[in-house]
Amino acid sequence: MLRLLEARGSTPGGLDLDLVFADGQMVLAGLPLGSAPRLIQP
């Protein structure tokens, strides 16, 4: 799986992954991670 993600990126030997926060959810490289944390200003 990691080799596939490495092949998609532009950095040889490294991973270029997008972390997306949308509609209260987190998605990393197209894989859902679950609910995004709520950030509250003090």
C-alpha atoms as a PDB file:
ATOM      1  CA  MET A   1       0.000   0.000   0.000  1.00  0.00           C
ATOM      2  CA  LEU A   2       2.765   2.452   0.928  1.00  0.00           C
ATOM      3  CA  ARG A   3       4.620   1.677  -2.317  1.00  0.00           C
ATOM      4  CA  LEU A   4       1.505   2.612  -4.287  1.00  0.00           C
ATOM      5  CA  LEU A   5       1.223   5.910  -2.424  1.00  0.00           C
ATOM      6  CA  GLU A   6       4.936   6.562  -2.987  1.00  0.00           C
ATOM      7  CA  ALA A   7       4.534   5.993  -6.735  1.00  0.00           C
ATOM      8  CA  ARG A   8       1.757   8.640  -6.836  1.00  0.00           C
ATOM      9  CA  GLY A   9       4.004  11.312  -5.359  1.00  0.00           C
ATOM     10  CA  SER A  10       6.755  13.412  -6.875  1.00  0.00           C
ATOM     11  CA  THR A  11       9.380  12.756  -4.170  1.00  0.00           C
ATOM     12  CA  PRO A  12      11.381   9.552  -4.753  1.00  0.00           C
ATOM     13  CA  GLY A  13      11.612   7.610  -1.500  1.00  0.00           C
ATOM     14  CA  GLY A  14       9.023   9.834   0.200  1.00  0.00           C
ATOM     15  CA  LEU A  15       5.293  10.162   0.553  1.00  0.00           C
ATOM     16  CA  ASP A  16       3.333  13.184  -0.683  1.00  0.00           C
ATOM     17  CA  LEU A  17      -0.084  12.767   0.913  1.00  0.00           C
ATOM     18  CA  ASP A  18      -3.015  15.165   1.098  1.00  0.00           C
ATOM     19  CA  LEU A  19      -4.770  15.562   4.437  1.00  0.00           C
ATOM     20  CA  VAL A  20      -8.239  16.971   3.817  1.00  0.00           C
ATOM     21  CA  PHE A  21     -10.627  18.387   6.401  1.00  0.00           C
ATOM     22  CA  ALA A  22     -14.150  18.771   4.972  1.00  0.00           C
ATOM     23  CA  ASP A  23     -17.686  18.452   6.306  1.00  0.00           C
ATOM     24  CA  GLY A  24     -16.388  17.525   9.762  1.00  0.00           C
ATOM     25  CA  GLN A  25     -14.365  14.571   8.432  1.00  0.00           C
ATOM     26  CA  MET A  26     -10.643  13.863   7.877  1.00  0.00           C
ATOM     27  CA  VAL A  27      -9.362  12.063   4.789  1.00  0.00           C
ATOM     28  CA  LEU A  28      -5.716  11.103   4.158  1.00  0.00           C
ATOM     29  CA  ALA A  29      -4.839  10.286   0.539  1.00  0.00           C
ATOM     30  CA  GLY A  30      -8.425   9.227  -0.136  1.00  0.00           C
ATOM     31  CA  LEU A  31      -8.687   7.049   2.986  1.00  0.00           C
ATOM     32  CA  PRO A  32     -11.282   8.207   5.527  1.00  0.00           C
ATOM     33  CA  LEU A  33      -9.823   8.689   9.029  1.00  0.00           C
ATOM     34  CA  GLY A  34     -12.991   9.658  10.859  1.00  0.00           C
ATOM     35  CA  SER A  35     -14.327  12.787  12.485  1.00  0.00           C
ATOM     36  CA  ALA A  36     -12.145  15.875  12.515  1.00  0.00           C
ATOM     37  CA  PRO A  37     -11.294  17.319  15.926  1.00  0.00           C
ATOM     38  CA  ARG A  38     -13.112  20.472  16.940  1.00  0.00           C
ATOM     39  CA  LEU A  39     -10.807  23.434  17.464  1.00  0.00           C
ATOM     40  CA  ILE A  40     -12.054  25.993  19.978  1.00  0.00           C
ATOM     41  CA  GLN A  41     -10.329  29.319  20.560  1.00  0.00           C
ATOM     42  CA  PRO A  42      -9.833  30.270  24.199  1.00  0.00           C
END
